[in-house]
Amino acid sequence: MSWLILAPNLRDLVISWCPEMEEILSEEKLGEVADVIGISYPKPFLKLETLYLSCLPKLKSIYWDALPFPCLKLIHIGGCRELKKLPLNSNSAKGNLLSIEGSKDWWARVEWKNEATRDAFLPSFKLLY
């Protein structure tokens, strides 16, 4: 889905029922697209407000590193049992009232970049089911 860098004003990203999808933005493919359009280091999702991922059983990666999300308000993760990392660090959504929705089991499996990141987003978690 490397074409997402061509949508700098994207506010809502909803991906559902893609049983074979393993990653949303691949570092390799994103680099290829960036070379073609002449951007050295694209920063996707700068205006993203909602990230809704559902029924993606093989999804392992959203993005390979932490991203700034200056506008992000909601991350919804449902039915993404292989997704263990979010593209967040302790500064990713600083100043935002971010909600992260997911199951208790999924939240317990999330692997954080460090304790500061986990602590920053712990109050944001909302139990789905």
Protein backbone atom coordinates (compact mmCIF):
# COMPACT_ATOMS: atom_id res chain seq x y z
CA MET A 1 0.00 0.00 0.00
CA SER A 2 2.96 2.30 -0.62
CA TRP A 3 0.68 4.58 -2.66
CA LEU A 4 -0.47 6.00 0.68
CA ILE A 5 2.39 8.51 0.57
CA LEU A 6 0.60 10.05 -2.40
CA ALA A 7 -2.29 10.97 -0.10
CA PRO A 8 -0.76 13.56 2.26
CA ASN A 9 -4.19 14.87 3.31
CA LEU A 10 -5.56 11.45 4.29
CA ARG A 11 -7.61 11.80 7.48
CA ASP A 12 -9.19 8.36 7.87
CA LEU A 13 -7.64 5.03 6.97
CA VAL A 14 -9.93 2.01 7.25
CA ILE A 15 -8.65 -1.42 6.23
CA SER A 16 -10.86 -4.46 6.82
CA TRP A 17 -11.20 -8.03 5.67
CA CYS A 18 -7.84 -8.43 3.91
CA PRO A 19 -6.89 -11.88 5.18
CA GLU A 20 -3.51 -12.01 3.40
CA MET A 21 -2.24 -8.50 4.20
CA GLU A 22 0.99 -8.61 6.23
CA GLU A 23 2.08 -4.96 6.20
CA ILE A 24 0.59 -1.59 5.43
CA LEU A 25 3.72 0.36 4.49
CA SER A 26 6.83 -1.58 3.53
CA GLU A 27 10.17 0.20 3.96
CA GLU A 28 11.46 -1.26 0.70
CA LYS A 29 8.40 -0.46 -1.41
CA LEU A 30 7.98 2.97 0.14
CA GLY A 31 11.60 3.73 -0.78
CA GLU A 32 10.92 2.73 -4.38
CA VAL A 33 7.87 5.00 -4.62
CA ALA A 34 9.76 7.84 -2.94
CA ASP A 35 12.55 7.53 -5.52
CA VAL A 36 10.05 7.66 -8.39
CA ILE A 37 8.30 10.78 -7.12
CA GLY A 38 11.47 12.44 -5.84
CA ILE A 39 10.86 12.51 -2.10
CA SER A 40 13.88 11.58 -0.02
CA TYR A 41 12.09 10.70 3.21
CA PRO A 42 8.30 10.63 3.00
CA LYS A 43 6.35 11.08 6.22
CA PRO A 44 2.96 9.45 5.79
CA PHE A 45 -0.09 10.05 7.95
CA LEU A 46 0.69 13.63 9.08
CA LYS A 47 -3.01 14.55 8.88
CA LEU A 48 -4.39 11.14 9.86
CA GLU A 49 -7.12 11.32 12.51
CA THR A 50 -8.43 7.73 12.48
CA LEU A 51 -6.63 4.44 11.88
CA TYR A 52 -9.15 1.57 11.82
CA LEU A 53 -7.76 -1.93 11.24
CA SER A 54 -10.11 -4.89 11.42
CA CYS A 55 -10.03 -8.57 10.45
CA LEU A 56 -6.44 -8.61 9.22
CA PRO A 57 -5.26 -11.91 10.74
CA LYS A 58 -1.79 -11.86 9.12
CA LEU A 59 -1.00 -8.17 9.62
CA LYS A 60 2.38 -7.82 11.34
CA SER A 61 3.38 -4.24 10.59
CA ILE A 62 1.82 -0.83 10.05
CA TYR A 63 5.15 0.96 9.57
CA TRP A 64 8.67 -0.10 10.52
CA ASP A 65 9.42 2.84 12.83
CA ALA A 66 7.68 5.39 15.03
CA LEU A 67 5.79 8.12 13.19
CA PRO A 68 4.64 11.56 14.23
CA PHE A 69 0.85 11.64 14.39
CA PRO A 70 0.04 15.30 15.12
CA CYS A 71 -3.69 14.85 14.37
CA LEU A 72 -4.37 11.23 15.39
CA LYS A 73 -7.41 10.73 17.63
CA LEU A 74 -8.28 7.04 17.26
CA ILE A 75 -6.50 3.77 16.63
CA HIS A 76 -8.88 0.81 16.41
CA ILE A 77 -7.36 -2.67 16.23
CA GLY A 78 -9.68 -5.68 15.97
CA GLY A 79 -8.95 -9.15 14.64
CA CYS A 80 -5.26 -8.40 14.02
CA ARG A 81 -3.72 -11.10 16.20
CA GLU A 82 -0.25 -10.93 14.61
CA LEU A 83 0.10 -7.15 15.05
CA LYS A 84 2.35 -6.68 18.05
CA LYS A 85 3.91 -3.28 17.39
CA LEU A 86 2.39 0.12 16.78
CA PRO A 87 4.35 2.85 14.95
CA LEU A 88 4.47 4.95 18.12
CA ASN A 89 7.03 6.37 20.48
CA SER A 90 6.45 8.58 23.50
CA ASN A 91 6.28 11.69 21.27
CA SER A 92 4.13 10.29 18.44
CA ALA A 93 0.80 11.82 19.42
CA LYS A 94 1.96 14.31 22.02
CA GLY A 95 -0.78 16.75 22.96
CA ASN A 96 -3.55 14.67 21.34
CA LEU A 97 -6.41 13.02 23.15
CA LEU A 98 -5.71 9.66 21.54
CA SER A 99 -7.84 6.55 22.06
CA ILE A 100 -6.48 3.11 21.25
CA GLU A 101 -9.24 0.51 21.02
CA GLY A 102 -8.55 -3.20 21.09
CA SER A 103 -9.11 -6.44 22.92
CA LYS A 104 -7.53 -7.13 26.29
CA ASP A 105 -5.57 -10.06 24.81
CA TRP A 106 -4.19 -7.95 21.95
CA TRP A 107 -3.20 -5.09 24.29
CA ALA A 108 -1.32 -7.53 26.54
CA ARG A 109 0.72 -8.73 23.52
CA VAL A 110 1.72 -5.27 22.27
CA GLU A 111 5.51 -4.89 22.25
CA TRP A 112 6.50 -1.33 23.10
CA LYS A 113 9.63 0.48 21.95
CA ASN A 114 10.40 1.22 25.63
CA GLU A 115 8.73 1.78 28.99
CA ALA A 116 8.25 5.51 28.34
CA THR A 117 6.18 4.70 25.26
CA ARG A 118 4.09 2.11 27.09
CA ASP A 119 3.49 4.53 29.95
CA ALA A 120 2.56 7.35 27.54
CA PHE A 121 -0.15 5.28 25.83
CA LEU A 122 -1.46 3.17 28.72
CA PRO A 123 -4.14 5.77 29.62
CA SER A 124 -5.25 5.85 25.96
CA PHE A 125 -6.38 2.22 25.86
CA LYS A 126 -10.10 1.48 25.63
CA LEU A 127 -11.32 -2.10 25.87
CA LEU A 128 -13.30 -3.27 22.83
CA TYR A 129 -14.47 -6.65 24.09
